C-alpha atoms as a PDB file:
ATOM      1  CA  MET A   1      93.252 188.886 125.973  1.00  0.00           C
ATOM      2  CA  GLN A   2      94.625 192.087 124.553  1.00  0.00           C
ATOM      3  CA  ARG A   3      93.725 193.940 121.342  1.00  0.00           C
ATOM      4  CA  VAL A   4      96.720 194.738 119.068  1.00  0.00           C
ATOM      5  CA  THR A   5      96.606 196.962 115.987  1.00  0.00           C
ATOM      6  CA  ILE A   6      98.922 196.219 113.132  1.00  0.00           C
ATOM      7  CA  THR A   7      99.536 197.562 109.615  1.00  0.00           C
ATOM      8  CA  VAL A   8      99.863 194.950 106.863  1.00  0.00           C
ATOM      9  CA  GLU A   9     100.447 195.270 103.091  1.00  0.00           C
ATOM     10  CA  ASP A  10      97.501 194.276 100.875  1.00  0.00           C
ATOM     11  CA  GLU A  11      99.340 191.305  99.413  1.00  0.00           C
ATOM     12  CA  LEU A  12     100.262 189.921 102.827  1.00  0.00           C
ATOM     13  CA  LEU A  13      96.672 190.392 104.036  1.00  0.00           C
ATOM     14  CA  ALA A  14      95.444 188.429 100.968  1.00  0.00           C
ATOM     15  CA  ASP A  15      97.838 185.667 101.970  1.00  0.00           C
ATOM     16  CA  LEU A  16      96.437 185.642 105.448  1.00  0.00           C
ATOM     17  CA  ASP A  17      92.932 185.386 104.098  1.00  0.00           C
ATOM     18  CA  ALA A  18      93.957 182.453 101.945  1.00  0.00           C
ATOM     19  CA  TYR A  19      95.532 180.847 104.962  1.00  0.00           C
ATOM     20  CA  MET A  20      92.212 181.322 106.817  1.00  0.00           C
ATOM     21  CA  ASP A  21      90.424 179.427 104.021  1.00  0.00           C
ATOM     22  CA  ARG A  22      92.966 176.581 104.070  1.00  0.00           C
ATOM     23  CA  SER A  23      93.110 176.320 107.851  1.00  0.00           C
ATOM     24  CA  GLY A  24      89.482 176.740 108.678  1.00  0.00           C
ATOM     25  CA  ALA A  25      90.069 179.818 110.927  1.00  0.00           C
ATOM     26  CA  THR A  26      86.864 181.804 111.336  1.00  0.00           C
ATOM     27  CA  ASN A  27      88.528 185.217 111.542  1.00  0.00           C
ATOM     28  CA  ARG A  28      91.906 186.992 111.102  1.00  0.00           C
ATOM     29  CA  SER A  29      92.610 187.167 114.780  1.00  0.00           C
ATOM     30  CA  GLU A  30      92.275 183.370 115.043  1.00  0.00           C
ATOM     31  CA  ALA A  31      94.516 182.817 112.057  1.00  0.00           C
ATOM     32  CA  LEU A  32      97.189 185.265 113.373  1.00  0.00           C
ATOM     33  CA  ARG A  33      97.143 183.540 116.778  1.00  0.00           C
ATOM     34  CA  ASP A  34      97.634 180.112 115.104  1.00  0.00           C
ATOM     35  CA  LEU A  35     100.492 181.417 112.970  1.00  0.00           C
ATOM     36  CA  MET A  36     102.162 183.141 115.918  1.00  0.00           C
ATOM     37  CA  ARG A  37     101.922 179.999 118.055  1.00  0.00           C
ATOM     38  CA  ARG A  38     103.485 177.939 115.246  1.00  0.00           C
ATOM     39  CA  ALA A  39     106.234 180.494 114.661  1.00  0.00           C
ATOM     40  CA  LEU A  40     107.084 180.901 118.372  1.00  0.00           C
ATOM     41  CA  ALA A  41     106.862 177.242 119.297  1.00  0.00           C
ATOM     42  CA  ARG A  42     110.236 175.816 120.193  1.00  0.00           C
ATOM     43  CA  THR A  43     110.718 172.103 119.390  1.00  0.00           C
ATOM     44  CA  ALA A  44     114.470 171.975 119.907  1.00  0.00           C
ATOM     45  CA  PRO A  45     116.127 172.593 123.264  1.00  0.00           C
ATOM     46  CA  PRO A  46     118.295 175.678 123.149  1.00  0.00           C
ATOM     47  CA  GLU A  47     121.416 173.721 124.211  1.00  0.00           C
ATOM     48  CA  ALA A  48     121.029 170.915 121.672  1.00  0.00           C
ATOM     49  CA  GLU A  49     123.658 170.598 119.007  1.00  0.00           C
ATOM     50  CA  CYS A  50     122.468 171.108 115.401  1.00  0.00           C
ATOM     51  CA  ILE A  51     123.295 171.928 111.845  1.00  0.00           C
ATOM     52  CA  GLY A  52     121.324 174.967 110.757  1.00  0.00           C
ATOM     53  CA  VAL A  53     120.514 175.523 107.096  1.00  0.00           C
ATOM     54  CA  ILE A  54     119.614 179.176 106.607  1.00  0.00           C
ATOM     55  CA  SER A  55     118.185 180.337 103.252  1.00  0.00           C
ATOM     56  CA  TYR A  56     117.180 183.853 102.282  1.00  0.00           C
ATOM     57  CA  THR A  57     117.071 186.390  99.500  1.00  0.00           C
ATOM     58  CA  LEU A  58     119.145 189.636  99.505  1.00  0.00           C
ATOM     59  CA  ASP A  59     118.214 192.900  97.899  1.00  0.00           C
ATOM     60  CA  LEU A  60     121.684 194.050  96.974  1.00  0.00           C
ATOM     61  CA  SER A  61     120.607 197.595  96.338  1.00  0.00           C
ATOM     62  CA  LYS A  62     120.082 198.108 100.099  1.00  0.00           C
ATOM     63  CA  ARG A  63     122.796 200.203 101.550  1.00  0.00           C
ATOM     64  CA  ASP A  64     125.770 198.279 103.003  1.00  0.00           C
ATOM     65  CA  LEU A  65     123.866 194.933 102.875  1.00  0.00           C
ATOM     66  CA  MET A  66     126.648 193.258 100.847  1.00  0.00           C
ATOM     67  CA  ARG A  67     129.100 194.308 103.580  1.00  0.00           C
ATOM     68  CA  ARG A  68     126.907 193.628 106.562  1.00  0.00           C
ATOM     69  CA  VAL A  69     125.810 190.068 105.783  1.00  0.00           C
ATOM     70  CA  PRO A  70     129.330 188.607 105.228  1.00  0.00           C
ATOM     71  CA  LEU A  71     130.488 190.560 108.319  1.00  0.00           C
ATOM     72  CA  ARG A  72     127.752 188.904 110.381  1.00  0.00           C
ATOM     73  CA  ARG A  73     128.959 185.472 109.196  1.00  0.00           C
ATOM     74  CA  HIS A  74     132.566 186.391 109.837  1.00  0.00           C
ATOM     75  CA  GLU A  75     131.747 187.389 113.414  1.00  0.00           C
ATOM     76  CA  GLN A  76     130.345 183.834 113.847  1.00  0.00           C
ATOM     77  CA  HIS A  77     133.409 182.124 112.208  1.00  0.00           C
ATOM     78  CA  ASP A  78     133.382 179.453 114.867  1.00  0.00           C
ATOM     79  CA  VAL A  79     129.919 178.200 113.843  1.00  0.00           C
ATOM     80  CA  ALA A  80     129.542 179.289 110.192  1.00  0.00           C
ATOM     81  CA  VAL A  81     130.496 176.309 108.134  1.00  0.00           C
ATOM     82  CA  ALA A  82     129.728 177.420 104.516  1.00  0.00           C
ATOM     83  CA  SER A  83     127.833 179.988 102.572  1.00  0.00           C
ATOM     84  CA  LEU A  84     126.619 180.067  98.974  1.00  0.00           C
ATOM     85  CA  SER A  85     125.387 183.111  96.983  1.00  0.00           C
ATOM     86  CA  VAL A  86     123.433 182.695  93.770  1.00  0.00           C
ATOM     87  CA  PRO A  87     122.905 185.912  91.815  1.00  0.00           C
ATOM     88  CA  LEU A  88     119.404 186.189  90.368  1.00  0.00           C
ATOM     89  CA  ASP A  89     119.845 189.514  88.567  1.00  0.00           C
ATOM     90  CA  HIS A  90     121.789 192.687  89.145  1.00  0.00           C
ATOM     91  CA  GLU A  91     120.038 193.492  92.435  1.00  0.00           C
ATOM     92  CA  GLU A  92     118.925 190.254  94.039  1.00  0.00           C
ATOM     93  CA  ALA A  93     120.553 186.984  95.122  1.00  0.00           C
ATOM     94  CA  VAL A  94     119.507 183.788  96.925  1.00  0.00           C
ATOM     95  CA  GLU A  95     121.900 182.803  99.723  1.00  0.00           C
ATOM     96  CA  VAL A  96     122.327 179.677 101.833  1.00  0.00           C
ATOM     97  CA  THR A  97     124.400 179.588 104.967  1.00  0.00           C
ATOM     98  CA  VAL A  98     125.147 176.405 106.825  1.00  0.00           C
ATOM     99  CA  MET A  99     125.961 176.698 110.558  1.00  0.00           C
ATOM    100  CA  ARG A 100     126.997 174.273 113.228  1.00  0.00           C
ATOM    101  CA  GLY A 101     126.428 174.809 116.951  1.00  0.00           C
ATOM    102  CA  LYS A 102     123.820 175.082 119.724  1.00  0.00           C
ATOM    103  CA  VAL A 103     120.251 175.624 118.604  1.00  0.00           C
ATOM    104  CA  ASP A 104     120.067 178.892 120.532  1.00  0.00           C
ATOM    105  CA  ALA A 105     123.159 180.424 118.790  1.00  0.00           C
ATOM    106  CA  VAL A 106     122.043 179.330 115.341  1.00  0.00           C
ATOM    107  CA  GLU A 107     118.503 180.595 115.852  1.00  0.00           C
ATOM    108  CA  THR A 108     119.852 183.895 117.228  1.00  0.00           C
ATOM    109  CA  PHE A 109     122.070 184.364 114.133  1.00  0.00           C
ATOM    110  CA  ALA A 110     119.288 183.477 111.728  1.00  0.00           C
ATOM    111  CA  ASN A 111     116.696 185.760 113.359  1.00  0.00           C
ATOM    112  CA  GLY A 112     119.167 188.634 113.428  1.00  0.00           C
ATOM    113  CA  LEU A 113     119.923 188.092 109.752  1.00  0.00           C
ATOM    114  CA  PHE A 114     116.186 188.038 108.887  1.00  0.00           C
ATOM    115  CA  LEU A 115     115.725 191.384 110.517  1.00  0.00           C
ATOM    116  CA  GLU A 116     118.256 193.165 108.223  1.00  0.00           C
ATOM    117  CA  ARG A 117     116.661 195.532 105.750  1.00  0.00           C
ATOM    118  CA  GLY A 118     116.861 193.857 102.360  1.00  0.00           C
ATOM    119  CA  VAL A 119     116.833 190.300 103.610  1.00  0.00           C
ATOM    120  CA  ARG A 120     113.609 188.513 102.642  1.00  0.00           C
ATOM    121  CA  HIS A 121     112.108 185.044 102.464  1.00  0.00           C
ATOM    122  CA  GLY A 122     114.310 183.798 105.367  1.00  0.00           C
ATOM    123  CA  ARG A 123     113.922 180.236 106.504  1.00  0.00           C
ATOM    124  CA  LEU A 124     115.887 178.206 109.060  1.00  0.00           C
ATOM    125  CA  SER A 125     115.948 174.407 108.998  1.00  0.00           C
ATOM    126  CA  LEU A 126     117.502 172.713 112.023  1.00  0.00           C
ATOM    127  CA  VAL A 127     119.056 169.236 111.786  1.00  0.00           C
ATOM    128  CA  PRO A 128     119.616 167.512 115.122  1.00  0.00           C
ATOM    129  CA  VAL A 129     123.189 166.107 115.408  1.00  0.00           C
ATOM    130  CA  PHE A 130     125.340 164.355 117.959  1.00  0.00           C
ATOM    131  CA  GLU A 131     129.088 164.786 118.005  1.00  0.00           C
ATOM    132  CA  MET A 132     130.848 161.440 118.250  1.00  0.00           C
ATOM    133  CA  PHE A 133     134.618 160.998 118.706  1.00  0.00           C
ATOM    134  CA  GLU A 134     136.354 158.147 117.039  1.00  0.00           C
ATOM    135  CA  GLU A 135     139.868 156.991 116.382  1.00  0.00           C
ATOM    136  CA  HIS A 136     140.576 155.565 112.921  1.00  0.00           C
ATOM    137  CA  GLY A 137     142.751 156.048 109.948  1.00  0.00           C
ATOM    138  CA  HIS A 138     142.243 157.703 106.632  1.00  0.00           C
ATOM    139  CA  GLY A 139     144.701 156.252 104.184  1.00  0.00           C
ATOM    140  CA  PRO A 140     148.456 156.011 104.813  1.00  0.00           C
ATOM    141  CA  HIS A 141     148.582 158.640 107.558  1.00  0.00           C
ATOM    142  CA  GLY A 142     147.777 156.233 110.377  1.00  0.00           C
ATOM    143  CA  ALA A 143     145.053 156.368 113.024  1.00  0.00           C
ATOM    144  CA  HIS A 144     144.041 159.586 114.748  1.00  0.00           C
ATOM    145  CA  ARG A 145     141.181 160.729 116.943  1.00  0.00           C
ATOM    146  CA  HIS A 146     138.631 163.150 115.571  1.00  0.00           C
ATOM    147  CA  SER A 147     134.940 163.916 115.640  1.00  0.00           C
ATOM    148  CA  HIS A 148     132.074 163.058 113.367  1.00  0.00           C
ATOM    149  CA  LEU A 149     128.588 164.480 113.373  1.00  0.00           C
ATOM    150  CA  LYS A 150     125.842 161.858 113.458  1.00  0.00           C
ATOM    151  CA  VAL A 151     122.338 162.930 112.338  1.00  0.00           C
ATOM    152  CA  LEU A 152     119.630 162.178 114.856  1.00  0.00           C
ATOM    153  CA  ASP A 153     115.981 161.519 114.126  1.00  0.00           C
ATOM    154  CA  ASN A 154     114.823 164.318 116.440  1.00  0.00           C
ATOM    155  CA  PHE A 155     115.873 166.666 119.155  1.00  0.00           C
END
């Protein structure tokens, strides 16, 4: 086992201590190891299809953030399905981005976004899906073949 030294804000350290009380961890190292295992555990295969729901807050006062975040989504136009921005005040907003694709690609996008200076409270929720092709009609236009995403119970 290796010793690692980190610097943590007082408020975050207080949160860690509260987590220790809730989880029963006997020391901070044990609590951090538990949190790291949970955060780094992969439950979905990287090649599995998913819908990713990414939520985060933006500090709009950070330099170029309002340009960089939409540009990141635009660069992923083949998997970015939708995005919603809710202004909270003159400097902060809550955003939600929905993506469709392989778990690995969605996680890579979300993790890169969460590393941007000014992006906080980032969360990614993965929904396992299966793409099914069907032929049927929608109204008077006749039958045609297209795909539907079916939600699975797990990966």
